[in-house]
C-alpha atoms as a PDB file:
ATOM      1  CA  MET A   1      16.645 -48.729 -60.993  1.00  0.00           C
ATOM      2  CA  GLY A   2      13.721 -47.412 -58.906  1.00  0.00           C
ATOM      3  CA  GLU A   3      11.141 -44.833 -59.851  1.00  0.00           C
ATOM      4  CA  THR A   4      12.281 -41.291 -60.484  1.00  0.00           C
ATOM      5  CA  MET A   5      10.688 -37.867 -60.239  1.00  0.00           C
ATOM      6  CA  GLN A   6      11.474 -34.239 -60.934  1.00  0.00           C
ATOM      7  CA  ALA A   7      12.920 -32.077 -58.173  1.00  0.00           C
ATOM      8  CA  VAL A   8      14.875 -28.859 -57.744  1.00  0.00           C
ATOM      9  CA  VAL A   9      18.583 -29.693 -57.790  1.00  0.00           C
ATOM     10  CA  VAL A  10      21.438 -27.783 -56.146  1.00  0.00           C
ATOM     11  CA  ASP A  11      24.751 -27.919 -58.017  1.00  0.00           C
ATOM     12  CA  GLY A  12      27.297 -25.797 -56.197  1.00  0.00           C
ATOM     13  CA  ASP A  13      26.825 -22.102 -56.953  1.00  0.00           C
ATOM     14  CA  ALA A  14      24.940 -22.754 -60.198  1.00  0.00           C
ATOM     15  CA  PRO A  15      21.321 -21.544 -60.503  1.00  0.00           C
ATOM     16  CA  LEU A  16      18.658 -23.959 -59.297  1.00  0.00           C
ATOM     17  CA  VAL A  17      17.254 -26.246 -61.991  1.00  0.00           C
ATOM     18  CA  LEU A  18      14.834 -29.136 -62.246  1.00  0.00           C
ATOM     19  CA  GLY A  19      16.477 -32.528 -62.432  1.00  0.00           C
ATOM     20  CA  GLU A  20      15.594 -36.220 -62.327  1.00  0.00           C
ATOM     21  CA  VAL A  21      16.092 -37.805 -58.882  1.00  0.00           C
ATOM     22  CA  PRO A  22      14.938 -41.004 -57.147  1.00  0.00           C
ATOM     23  CA  LYS A  23      11.368 -40.953 -55.862  1.00  0.00           C
ATOM     24  CA  PRO A  24      11.276 -41.209 -52.038  1.00  0.00           C
ATOM     25  CA  GLU A  25      10.630 -44.575 -50.439  1.00  0.00           C
ATOM     26  CA  LEU A  26       7.439 -45.082 -48.444  1.00  0.00           C
ATOM     27  CA  ARG A  27       7.810 -46.351 -44.871  1.00  0.00           C
ATOM     28  CA  ALA A  28       5.039 -48.050 -42.909  1.00  0.00           C
ATOM     29  CA  ASN A  29       3.734 -44.866 -41.254  1.00  0.00           C
ATOM     30  CA  ASP A  30       4.313 -42.579 -44.236  1.00  0.00           C
ATOM     31  CA  VAL A  31       1.992 -41.081 -46.792  1.00  0.00           C
ATOM     32  CA  MET A  32       3.176 -40.180 -50.290  1.00  0.00           C
ATOM     33  CA  ILE A  33       2.065 -36.722 -51.375  1.00  0.00           C
ATOM     34  CA  GLU A  34       1.948 -35.574 -54.968  1.00  0.00           C
ATOM     35  CA  VAL A  35       3.181 -32.052 -54.367  1.00  0.00           C
ATOM     36  CA  LYS A  36       1.046 -29.287 -55.850  1.00  0.00           C
ATOM     37  CA  ALA A  37       2.622 -26.410 -53.898  1.00  0.00           C
ATOM     38  CA  ALA A  38       5.663 -25.988 -51.657  1.00  0.00           C
ATOM     39  CA  GLY A  39       6.315 -23.132 -49.254  1.00  0.00           C
ATOM     40  CA  LEU A  40       9.670 -21.377 -49.142  1.00  0.00           C
ATOM     41  CA  ASN A  41      11.429 -20.754 -45.837  1.00  0.00           C
ATOM     42  CA  ARG A  42      14.589 -18.829 -45.034  1.00  0.00           C
ATOM     43  CA  ALA A  43      16.044 -22.123 -43.827  1.00  0.00           C
ATOM     44  CA  ASP A  44      16.082 -23.213 -47.489  1.00  0.00           C
ATOM     45  CA  LEU A  45      18.545 -20.425 -48.276  1.00  0.00           C
ATOM     46  CA  ILE A  46      20.763 -21.465 -45.383  1.00  0.00           C
ATOM     47  CA  GLN A  47      20.645 -25.123 -46.436  1.00  0.00           C
ATOM     48  CA  ARG A  48      21.616 -24.172 -49.971  1.00  0.00           C
ATOM     49  CA  LYS A  49      24.761 -22.546 -48.558  1.00  0.00           C
ATOM     50  CA  GLY A  50      25.638 -25.793 -46.785  1.00  0.00           C
ATOM     51  CA  MET A  51      25.007 -24.474 -43.271  1.00  0.00           C
ATOM     52  CA  TYR A  52      21.734 -26.242 -42.386  1.00  0.00           C
ATOM     53  CA  PRO A  53      21.961 -29.880 -43.483  1.00  0.00           C
ATOM     54  CA  PRO A  54      18.893 -32.103 -43.251  1.00  0.00           C
ATOM     55  CA  PRO A  55      18.718 -34.458 -40.254  1.00  0.00           C
ATOM     56  CA  PRO A  56      19.875 -38.061 -40.761  1.00  0.00           C
ATOM     57  CA  GLY A  57      17.516 -39.986 -43.019  1.00  0.00           C
ATOM     58  CA  ALA A  58      15.714 -36.912 -44.337  1.00  0.00           C
ATOM     59  CA  SER A  59      15.598 -35.891 -47.982  1.00  0.00           C
ATOM     60  CA  GLU A  60      18.425 -33.626 -49.101  1.00  0.00           C
ATOM     61  CA  ILE A  61      15.998 -31.807 -51.401  1.00  0.00           C
ATOM     62  CA  MET A  62      15.032 -28.370 -50.083  1.00  0.00           C
ATOM     63  CA  GLY A  63      11.523 -27.625 -48.876  1.00  0.00           C
ATOM     64  CA  LEU A  64      10.096 -27.868 -45.346  1.00  0.00           C
ATOM     65  CA  GLU A  65       6.381 -27.841 -46.181  1.00  0.00           C
ATOM     66  CA  CYS A  66       4.062 -28.772 -48.995  1.00  0.00           C
ATOM     67  CA  ALA A  67       0.455 -29.185 -50.019  1.00  0.00           C
ATOM     68  CA  GLY A  68      -0.922 -31.789 -52.383  1.00  0.00           C
ATOM     69  CA  ILE A  69      -2.804 -35.047 -52.821  1.00  0.00           C
ATOM     70  CA  ILE A  70      -2.024 -38.373 -51.163  1.00  0.00           C
ATOM     71  CA  THR A  71      -1.192 -41.011 -53.783  1.00  0.00           C
ATOM     72  CA  GLU A  72      -0.007 -43.869 -51.536  1.00  0.00           C
ATOM     73  CA  VAL A  73      -0.230 -44.802 -47.863  1.00  0.00           C
ATOM     74  CA  GLY A  74       2.050 -47.065 -45.846  1.00  0.00           C
ATOM     75  CA  ALA A  75       0.828 -50.269 -44.227  1.00  0.00           C
ATOM     76  CA  GLY A  76       0.669 -48.652 -40.781  1.00  0.00           C
ATOM     77  CA  VAL A  77      -1.233 -45.509 -41.771  1.00  0.00           C
ATOM     78  CA  SER A  78      -4.586 -45.283 -40.017  1.00  0.00           C
ATOM     79  CA  ARG A  79      -6.022 -41.858 -40.701  1.00  0.00           C
ATOM     80  CA  TRP A  80      -5.293 -40.905 -44.305  1.00  0.00           C
ATOM     81  CA  LYS A  81      -6.328 -42.414 -47.605  1.00  0.00           C
ATOM     82  CA  VAL A  82      -5.420 -42.054 -51.263  1.00  0.00           C
ATOM     83  CA  GLY A  83      -7.018 -38.918 -52.706  1.00  0.00           C
ATOM     84  CA  ASP A  84      -6.972 -36.847 -49.498  1.00  0.00           C
ATOM     85  CA  ARG A  85      -5.990 -33.183 -49.945  1.00  0.00           C
ATOM     86  CA  VAL A  86      -3.372 -32.446 -47.292  1.00  0.00           C
ATOM     87  CA  CYS A  87      -0.614 -30.088 -46.239  1.00  0.00           C
ATOM     88  CA  ALA A  88       2.435 -31.310 -44.377  1.00  0.00           C
ATOM     89  CA  LEU A  89       5.501 -30.350 -42.378  1.00  0.00           C
ATOM     90  CA  LEU A  90       8.616 -31.907 -43.914  1.00  0.00           C
ATOM     91  CA  ALA A  91      12.178 -32.456 -42.750  1.00  0.00           C
ATOM     92  CA  GLY A  92      13.072 -31.920 -46.412  1.00  0.00           C
ATOM     93  CA  GLY A  93      11.856 -32.764 -49.895  1.00  0.00           C
ATOM     94  CA  GLY A  94       9.202 -30.162 -50.690  1.00  0.00           C
ATOM     95  CA  TYR A  95      10.770 -28.819 -53.899  1.00  0.00           C
ATOM     96  CA  ALA A  96       9.812 -31.988 -55.749  1.00  0.00           C
ATOM     97  CA  GLU A  97       7.121 -33.899 -57.574  1.00  0.00           C
ATOM     98  CA  PHE A  98       6.512 -36.245 -54.622  1.00  0.00           C
ATOM     99  CA  ALA A  99       7.257 -36.117 -50.889  1.00  0.00           C
ATOM    100  CA  ALA A 100       7.002 -38.906 -48.324  1.00  0.00           C
ATOM    101  CA  VAL A 101       6.246 -37.921 -44.731  1.00  0.00           C
ATOM    102  CA  ASP A 102       5.103 -39.507 -41.478  1.00  0.00           C
ATOM    103  CA  GLU A 103       1.322 -39.330 -41.163  1.00  0.00           C
ATOM    104  CA  GLY A 104       1.687 -37.438 -37.867  1.00  0.00           C
ATOM    105  CA  SER A 105       3.045 -34.363 -39.683  1.00  0.00           C
ATOM    106  CA  VAL A 106       0.027 -34.019 -41.974  1.00  0.00           C
ATOM    107  CA  LEU A 107      -3.077 -31.820 -41.749  1.00  0.00           C
ATOM    108  CA  PRO A 108      -6.255 -31.751 -43.865  1.00  0.00           C
ATOM    109  CA  ILE A 109      -6.707 -28.878 -46.303  1.00  0.00           C
ATOM    110  CA  PRO A 110     -10.029 -27.065 -45.768  1.00  0.00           C
ATOM    111  CA  ASN A 111     -12.467 -27.713 -48.593  1.00  0.00           C
ATOM    112  CA  THR A 112     -12.540 -24.092 -49.750  1.00  0.00           C
ATOM    113  CA  MET A 113      -8.734 -23.578 -49.699  1.00  0.00           C
ATOM    114  CA  ASP A 114      -6.435 -24.027 -52.692  1.00  0.00           C
ATOM    115  CA  PHE A 115      -3.012 -25.671 -52.615  1.00  0.00           C
ATOM    116  CA  ALA A 116      -1.038 -22.424 -52.774  1.00  0.00           C
ATOM    117  CA  ASP A 117      -2.700 -21.066 -49.644  1.00  0.00           C
ATOM    118  CA  ALA A 118      -2.442 -24.422 -47.870  1.00  0.00           C
ATOM    119  CA  ALA A 119       1.316 -24.457 -48.471  1.00  0.00           C
ATOM    120  CA  CYS A 120       1.581 -21.339 -46.280  1.00  0.00           C
ATOM    121  CA  LEU A 121       0.371 -23.002 -43.093  1.00  0.00           C
ATOM    122  CA  THR A 122       2.098 -26.034 -41.631  1.00  0.00           C
ATOM    123  CA  GLU A 123       5.685 -24.930 -40.983  1.00  0.00           C
ATOM    124  CA  ALA A 124       4.625 -21.550 -39.624  1.00  0.00           C
ATOM    125  CA  MET A 125       1.741 -22.729 -37.451  1.00  0.00           C
ATOM    126  CA  MET A 126       3.634 -25.683 -36.006  1.00  0.00           C
ATOM    127  CA  THR A 127       6.666 -23.489 -35.319  1.00  0.00           C
ATOM    128  CA  VAL A 128       4.530 -20.896 -33.549  1.00  0.00           C
ATOM    129  CA  TRP A 129       2.736 -23.451 -31.412  1.00  0.00           C
ATOM    130  CA  ALA A 130       5.954 -25.266 -30.458  1.00  0.00           C
ATOM    131  CA  ASN A 131       7.690 -22.057 -29.400  1.00  0.00           C
ATOM    132  CA  VAL A 132       5.071 -19.557 -28.285  1.00  0.00           C
ATOM    133  CA  PHE A 133       2.533 -21.894 -26.711  1.00  0.00           C
ATOM    134  CA  GLN A 134       4.461 -25.044 -25.777  1.00  0.00           C
ATOM    135  CA  ARG A 135       7.908 -23.680 -24.931  1.00  0.00           C
ATOM    136  CA  CYS A 136       7.040 -20.180 -23.694  1.00  0.00           C
ATOM    137  CA  GLN A 137       3.530 -20.974 -22.417  1.00  0.00           C
ATOM    138  CA  LEU A 138       1.852 -17.764 -23.618  1.00  0.00           C
ATOM    139  CA  GLN A 139      -1.264 -17.338 -21.489  1.00  0.00           C
ATOM    140  CA  GLU A 140      -4.496 -15.479 -22.075  1.00  0.00           C
ATOM    141  CA  SER A 141      -4.098 -11.744 -21.364  1.00  0.00           C
ATOM    142  CA  GLU A 142      -0.282 -11.854 -21.473  1.00  0.00           C
ATOM    143  CA  VAL A 143       1.645  -9.424 -23.683  1.00  0.00           C
ATOM    144  CA  PHE A 144       3.377 -10.877 -26.733  1.00  0.00           C
ATOM    145  CA  LEU A 145       6.075  -9.500 -29.037  1.00  0.00           C
ATOM    146  CA  CYS A 146       6.885 -11.117 -32.365  1.00  0.00           C
ATOM    147  CA  HIS A 147       9.778  -9.807 -34.415  1.00  0.00           C
ATOM    148  CA  GLY A 148       9.479 -10.070 -38.193  1.00  0.00           C
ATOM    149  CA  GLY A 149       5.751  -9.562 -38.058  1.00  0.00           C
ATOM    150  CA  THR A 150       5.163  -9.947 -41.802  1.00  0.00           C
ATOM    151  CA  SER A 151       7.385 -12.978 -42.311  1.00  0.00           C
ATOM    152  CA  GLY A 152       5.765 -16.344 -42.931  1.00  0.00           C
ATOM    153  CA  ILE A 153       6.129 -17.098 -39.214  1.00  0.00           C
ATOM    154  CA  GLY A 154       5.161 -13.608 -38.076  1.00  0.00           C
ATOM    155  CA  VAL A 155       1.823 -13.382 -39.864  1.00  0.00           C
ATOM    156  CA  MET A 156       0.774 -16.659 -38.223  1.00  0.00           C
ATOM    157  CA  ALA A 157       2.151 -15.739 -34.794  1.00  0.00           C
ATOM    158  CA  ILE A 158       0.096 -12.530 -34.711  1.00  0.00           C
ATOM    159  CA  GLN A 159      -3.106 -14.306 -35.725  1.00  0.00           C
ATOM    160  CA  MET A 160      -2.595 -17.262 -33.397  1.00  0.00           C
ATOM    161  CA  ALA A 161      -1.773 -15.053 -30.411  1.00  0.00           C
ATOM    162  CA  ARG A 162      -4.873 -12.956 -31.083  1.00  0.00           C
ATOM    163  CA  HIS A 163      -7.012 -16.097 -31.386  1.00  0.00           C
ATOM    164  CA  ALA A 164      -5.582 -17.401 -28.097  1.00  0.00           C
ATOM    165  CA  GLY A 165      -6.542 -14.222 -26.256  1.00  0.00           C
ATOM    166  CA  ALA A 166      -3.218 -12.434 -25.789  1.00  0.00           C
ATOM    167  CA  GLY A 167      -3.651  -9.192 -23.858  1.00  0.00           C
ATOM    168  CA  ALA A 168      -1.603  -7.119 -26.296  1.00  0.00           C
ATOM    169  CA  ILE A 169       0.441  -8.003 -29.372  1.00  0.00           C
ATOM    170  CA  TYR A 170       3.442  -6.004 -30.571  1.00  0.00           C
ATOM    171  CA  THR A 171       5.610  -6.620 -33.590  1.00  0.00           C
ATOM    172  CA  THR A 172       8.482  -5.197 -35.606  1.00  0.00           C
ATOM    173  CA  ALA A 173       8.699  -4.802 -39.370  1.00  0.00           C
ATOM    174  CA  GLY A 174      10.812  -2.945 -41.912  1.00  0.00           C
ATOM    175  CA  SER A 175       8.380  -0.537 -43.595  1.00  0.00           C
ATOM    176  CA  ALA A 176       5.190   1.414 -43.044  1.00  0.00           C
ATOM    177  CA  GLU A 177       3.389  -0.939 -45.431  1.00  0.00           C
ATOM    178  CA  LYS A 178       4.488  -3.990 -43.462  1.00  0.00           C
ATOM    179  CA  CYS A 179       3.526  -2.364 -40.173  1.00  0.00           C
ATOM    180  CA  LYS A 180       0.028  -1.716 -41.508  1.00  0.00           C
ATOM    181  CA  VAL A 181      -0.320  -5.343 -42.615  1.00  0.00           C
ATOM    182  CA  ALA A 182       0.701  -6.461 -39.135  1.00  0.00           C
ATOM    183  CA  THR A 183      -1.859  -4.255 -37.403  1.00  0.00           C
ATOM    184  CA  ASP A 184      -4.543  -5.318 -39.883  1.00  0.00           C
ATOM    185  CA  LEU A 185      -3.801  -8.930 -38.882  1.00  0.00           C
ATOM    186  CA  GLY A 186      -4.309  -8.145 -35.200  1.00  0.00           C
ATOM    187  CA  ALA A 187      -1.182  -6.541 -33.760  1.00  0.00           C
ATOM    188  CA  ASP A 188      -1.937  -3.702 -31.342  1.00  0.00           C
ATOM    189  CA  ALA A 189       1.217  -1.848 -32.411  1.00  0.00           C
ATOM    190  CA  ALA A 190       3.875  -2.430 -35.067  1.00  0.00           C
ATOM    191  CA  PHE A 191       7.233  -0.662 -34.933  1.00  0.00           C
ATOM    192  CA  ASN A 192       9.288   0.119 -38.018  1.00  0.00           C
ATOM    193  CA  TYR A 193      12.743  -0.958 -36.879  1.00  0.00           C
ATOM    194  CA  ARG A 194      14.375   1.297 -39.489  1.00  0.00           C
ATOM    195  CA  GLU A 195      12.908   4.360 -37.800  1.00  0.00           C
ATOM    196  CA  THR A 196      11.990   3.398 -34.231  1.00  0.00           C
ATOM    197  CA  ASP A 197      13.672   1.729 -31.247  1.00  0.00           C
ATOM    198  CA  PHE A 198      11.170  -0.998 -30.433  1.00  0.00           C
ATOM    199  CA  ALA A 199      12.631  -1.471 -26.948  1.00  0.00           C
ATOM    200  CA  GLU A 200      12.017   2.144 -26.006  1.00  0.00           C
ATOM    201  CA  GLU A 201       8.491   2.067 -27.395  1.00  0.00           C
ATOM    202  CA  ILE A 202       7.558  -1.146 -25.607  1.00  0.00           C
ATOM    203  CA  SER A 203       9.174  -0.082 -22.330  1.00  0.00           C
ATOM    204  CA  THR A 204       6.823   2.904 -22.210  1.00  0.00           C
ATOM    205  CA  ARG A 205       3.942   0.443 -22.597  1.00  0.00           C
ATOM    206  CA  GLY A 206       4.999  -1.696 -19.624  1.00  0.00           C
ATOM    207  CA  GLY A 207       7.001  -4.481 -21.268  1.00  0.00           C
ATOM    208  CA  VAL A 208       6.132  -7.956 -22.519  1.00  0.00           C
ATOM    209  CA  ASP A 209       5.687 -11.476 -21.184  1.00  0.00           C
ATOM    210  CA  VAL A 210       6.746 -13.503 -24.243  1.00  0.00           C
ATOM    211  CA  VAL A 211       9.031 -12.715 -27.198  1.00  0.00           C
ATOM    212  CA  LEU A 212       9.402 -14.743 -30.395  1.00  0.00           C
ATOM    213  CA  ASP A 213      12.661 -13.683 -32.049  1.00  0.00           C
ATOM    214  CA  MET A 214      14.153 -14.685 -35.391  1.00  0.00           C
ATOM    215  CA  VAL A 215      16.592 -11.756 -35.526  1.00  0.00           C
ATOM    216  CA  GLY A 216      19.131 -12.502 -32.790  1.00  0.00           C
ATOM    217  CA  GLY A 217      22.210 -10.281 -32.558  1.00  0.00           C
ATOM    218  CA  ASP A 218      21.628  -7.085 -30.607  1.00  0.00           C
ATOM    219  CA  TYR A 219      17.906  -7.853 -30.342  1.00  0.00           C
ATOM    220  CA  VAL A 220      18.579 -10.517 -27.689  1.00  0.00           C
ATOM    221  CA  GLN A 221      19.633  -8.060 -24.985  1.00  0.00           C
ATOM    222  CA  LYS A 222      16.844  -5.670 -25.953  1.00  0.00           C
ATOM    223  CA  ASN A 223      14.339  -8.506 -25.606  1.00  0.00           C
ATOM    224  CA  ILE A 224      15.571  -9.207 -22.084  1.00  0.00           C
ATOM    225  CA  ASP A 225      15.502  -5.500 -21.232  1.00  0.00           C
ATOM    226  CA  ILE A 226      11.775  -5.218 -22.004  1.00  0.00           C
ATOM    227  CA  LEU A 227      10.679  -8.451 -20.328  1.00  0.00           C
ATOM    228  CA  LYS A 228       8.343  -8.384 -17.380  1.00  0.00           C
ATOM    229  CA  VAL A 229       9.215 -10.482 -14.329  1.00  0.00           C
ATOM    230  CA  ASN A 230       8.985 -14.195 -15.258  1.00  0.00           C
ATOM    231  CA  GLY A 231       9.107 -13.290 -18.951  1.00  0.00           C
ATOM    232  CA  ARG A 232      10.219 -15.718 -21.669  1.00  0.00           C
ATOM    233  CA  VAL A 233      12.192 -15.242 -24.888  1.00  0.00           C
ATOM    234  CA  CYS A 234      12.495 -17.900 -27.572  1.00  0.00           C
ATOM    235  CA  ASN A 235      14.970 -17.557 -30.442  1.00  0.00           C
ATOM    236  CA  ILE A 236      14.239 -19.514 -33.613  1.00  0.00           C
ATOM    237  CA  ALA A 237      16.718 -17.828 -35.980  1.00  0.00           C
ATOM    238  CA  TYR A 238      19.477 -15.217 -35.975  1.00  0.00           C
ATOM    239  CA  GLN A 239      19.457 -12.958 -39.024  1.00  0.00           C
ATOM    240  CA  ASN A 240      21.595 -10.426 -37.114  1.00  0.00           C
ATOM    241  CA  GLY A 241      24.035 -13.110 -35.974  1.00  0.00           C
ATOM    242  CA  PRO A 242      24.172 -16.031 -33.492  1.00  0.00           C
ATOM    243  CA  VAL A 243      26.888 -14.662 -31.183  1.00  0.00           C
ATOM    244  CA  VAL A 244      25.790 -12.096 -28.593  1.00  0.00           C
ATOM    245  CA  GLU A 245      26.977 -10.456 -25.362  1.00  0.00           C
ATOM    246  CA  LEU A 246      24.410 -10.461 -22.551  1.00  0.00           C
ATOM    247  CA  ASN A 247      23.878  -8.820 -19.194  1.00  0.00           C
ATOM    248  CA  LEU A 248      22.888 -11.912 -17.239  1.00  0.00           C
ATOM    249  CA  MET A 249      22.024  -9.866 -14.145  1.00  0.00           C
ATOM    250  CA  LYS A 250      18.908  -8.554 -15.901  1.00  0.00           C
ATOM    251  CA  LEU A 251      17.927 -12.088 -16.828  1.00  0.00           C
ATOM    252  CA  MET A 252      18.371 -13.215 -13.226  1.00  0.00           C
ATOM    253  CA  LEU A 253      16.605 -10.292 -11.581  1.00  0.00           C
ATOM    254  CA  LYS A 254      13.576 -10.827 -13.815  1.00  0.00           C
ATOM    255  CA  ARG A 255      13.625 -14.600 -13.236  1.00  0.00           C
ATOM    256  CA  ALA A 256      13.378 -14.763 -17.001  1.00  0.00           C
ATOM    257  CA  ILE A 257      13.839 -17.644 -19.421  1.00  0.00           C
ATOM    258  CA  LEU A 258      15.929 -17.357 -22.585  1.00  0.00           C
ATOM    259  CA  THR A 259      15.558 -20.392 -24.796  1.00  0.00           C
ATOM    260  CA  GLY A 260      15.793 -21.483 -28.412  1.00  0.00           C
ATOM    261  CA  THR A 261      14.574 -24.332 -30.550  1.00  0.00           C
ATOM    262  CA  THR A 262      14.508 -25.814 -34.021  1.00  0.00           C
ATOM    263  CA  LEU A 263      11.674 -27.906 -35.422  1.00  0.00           C
ATOM    264  CA  ARG A 264      13.192 -29.760 -38.354  1.00  0.00           C
ATOM    265  CA  ALA A 265      15.221 -32.417 -36.509  1.00  0.00           C
ATOM    266  CA  ARG A 266      12.650 -33.300 -33.862  1.00  0.00           C
ATOM    267  CA  LEU A 267      11.438 -36.856 -33.511  1.00  0.00           C
ATOM    268  CA  GLU A 268       8.329 -37.767 -35.466  1.00  0.00           C
ATOM    269  CA  GLU A 269       6.522 -38.423 -32.177  1.00  0.00           C
ATOM    270  CA  GLU A 270       7.212 -34.844 -31.096  1.00  0.00           C
ATOM    271  CA  LYS A 271       5.966 -33.474 -34.403  1.00  0.00           C
ATOM    272  CA  ARG A 272       2.791 -35.493 -34.023  1.00  0.00           C
ATOM    273  CA  VAL A 273       2.140 -33.880 -30.625  1.00  0.00           C
ATOM    274  CA  ILE A 274       2.638 -30.438 -32.179  1.00  0.00           C
ATOM    275  CA  ARG A 275       0.412 -31.307 -35.150  1.00  0.00           C
ATOM    276  CA  ASP A 276      -2.330 -32.555 -32.823  1.00  0.00           C
ATOM    277  CA  ALA A 277      -2.220 -29.358 -30.755  1.00  0.00           C
ATOM    278  CA  VAL A 278      -2.367 -27.110 -33.830  1.00  0.00           C
ATOM    279  CA  GLU A 279      -5.290 -29.103 -35.198  1.00  0.00           C
ATOM    280  CA  ARG A 280      -7.131 -29.017 -31.878  1.00  0.00           C
ATOM    281  CA  ASP A 281      -6.525 -25.391 -30.882  1.00  0.00           C
ATOM    282  CA  PHE A 282      -6.168 -23.493 -34.156  1.00  0.00           C
ATOM    283  CA  TRP A 283      -7.274 -25.518 -37.184  1.00  0.00           C
ATOM    284  CA  PRO A 284     -10.988 -24.748 -36.663  1.00  0.00           C
ATOM    285  CA  ALA A 285     -10.060 -21.074 -37.014  1.00  0.00           C
ATOM    286  CA  VAL A 286      -8.252 -21.863 -40.275  1.00  0.00           C
ATOM    287  CA  VAL A 287     -11.323 -23.698 -41.559  1.00  0.00           C
ATOM    288  CA  ASN A 288     -13.680 -20.827 -40.734  1.00  0.00           C
ATOM    289  CA  GLY A 289     -11.290 -18.164 -42.012  1.00  0.00           C
ATOM    290  CA  THR A 290     -10.489 -16.489 -38.677  1.00  0.00           C
ATOM    291  CA  ILE A 291      -6.845 -17.440 -39.199  1.00  0.00           C
ATOM    292  CA  LYS A 292      -5.907 -17.013 -42.826  1.00  0.00           C
ATOM    293  CA  PRO A 293      -2.837 -17.807 -44.931  1.00  0.00           C
ATOM    294  CA  ILE A 294      -0.936 -14.774 -46.189  1.00  0.00           C
ATOM    295  CA  LEU A 295       0.394 -15.526 -49.668  1.00  0.00           C
ATOM    296  CA  ASP A 296       2.881 -13.029 -51.083  1.00  0.00           C
ATOM    297  CA  SER A 297       3.527 -14.599 -54.471  1.00  0.00           C
ATOM    298  CA  THR A 298       3.805 -17.842 -56.410  1.00  0.00           C
ATOM    299  CA  PHE A 299       6.426 -19.126 -58.845  1.00  0.00           C
ATOM    300  CA  PRO A 300       6.441 -22.218 -61.053  1.00  0.00           C
ATOM    301  CA  ILE A 301       8.745 -24.809 -59.510  1.00  0.00           C
ATOM    302  CA  ALA A 302      11.051 -24.438 -62.524  1.00  0.00           C
ATOM    303  CA  GLU A 303      11.640 -20.846 -61.352  1.00  0.00           C
ATOM    304  CA  ALA A 304      12.840 -21.768 -57.877  1.00  0.00           C
ATOM    305  CA  GLU A 305      15.946 -19.652 -58.421  1.00  0.00           C
ATOM    306  CA  ALA A 306      13.854 -16.508 -58.884  1.00  0.00           C
ATOM    307  CA  ALA A 307      11.646 -17.409 -55.917  1.00  0.00           C
ATOM    308  CA  GLN A 308      14.641 -17.766 -53.613  1.00  0.00           C
ATOM    309  CA  ALA A 309      16.109 -14.511 -54.916  1.00  0.00           C
ATOM    310  CA  LYS A 310      12.896 -12.742 -53.943  1.00  0.00           C
ATOM    311  CA  MET A 311      13.023 -14.274 -50.475  1.00  0.00           C
ATOM    312  CA  ALA A 312      16.674 -13.268 -50.042  1.00  0.00           C
ATOM    313  CA  ALA A 313      15.814  -9.670 -51.005  1.00  0.00           C
ATOM    314  CA  GLY A 314      13.433  -9.515 -48.046  1.00  0.00           C
ATOM    315  CA  GLY A 315      10.608  -7.387 -49.413  1.00  0.00           C
ATOM    316  CA  HIS A 316       7.917 -10.059 -49.311  1.00  0.00           C
ATOM    317  CA  ILE A 317       4.927 -10.177 -46.959  1.00  0.00           C
ATOM    318  CA  GLY A 318       3.838 -13.651 -45.879  1.00  0.00           C
ATOM    319  CA  LYS A 319       4.761 -16.722 -47.881  1.00  0.00           C
ATOM    320  CA  ILE A 320       6.406 -17.303 -51.245  1.00  0.00           C
ATOM    321  CA  VAL A 321       5.203 -20.567 -52.773  1.00  0.00           C
ATOM    322  CA  LEU A 322       6.365 -22.826 -55.603  1.00  0.00           C
ATOM    323  CA  LEU A 323       3.626 -24.363 -57.772  1.00  0.00           C
ATOM    324  CA  ARG A 324       3.656 -27.551 -59.805  1.00  0.00           C
END
């Protein structure tokens, strides 16, 4: 029998518990990370319900990002060494004692940053770059709208768009407190969707060039309605539902692009390209504190059930993180 480790185990509808599972195997281009902190993502909740299985070959343990210390490196690893403090994007396996990941999905933790904060960064920043900057090609001085402005993705999208020189940044959030956090992070205006029609408000301001949407449902048509000519919308989730009815004439008349992506199942080579771009364009701002992690709360890994319950309730701002 091979080595084992502790990890969060799903057993039907029972509460999450720590259990003993096989330690991941190390491939030639992998590093082994002793996990000190793991970020929660809404995708974890969907996976737990059986609706978002890991891609072939990936760990079935939940957790799409972690921070920790490298304890082993594969024979083909060129950049990293044992003892390096790193954070990483994972296809799965973060809720565990150890995680193995291709070296191209790993970033160095700034010297002054702790593991909890570092666990807030990789999934969000790589998702934002892949969708806002690679897929939708947000340009300097263009107008950007990010829904869910105080989610783990949203807090990074606002900061990254501001750092990249967006002309104006709008966002939506579910309370006055969240709207203030969003504007403090760099949004020019934040609209409380419980009280305000964001589409009406943004239309009076001249519309937007790029939209990052994790809401779906009726937001999709509204996003198209407020696009400028040649605007782009990227959907990365669908909290209001994946099935929508659209007026395609508006899409056509605006010569707009409606697209969607996921990050988890991409090839390792693609993730390396995304990692390299984030490190080149935005990591210096993380190091100097211009772009900062937004940590809502931490839970011991043994309390993963409570951490996921807090995420499901939706009142958090920024990231919820498990600590080991």
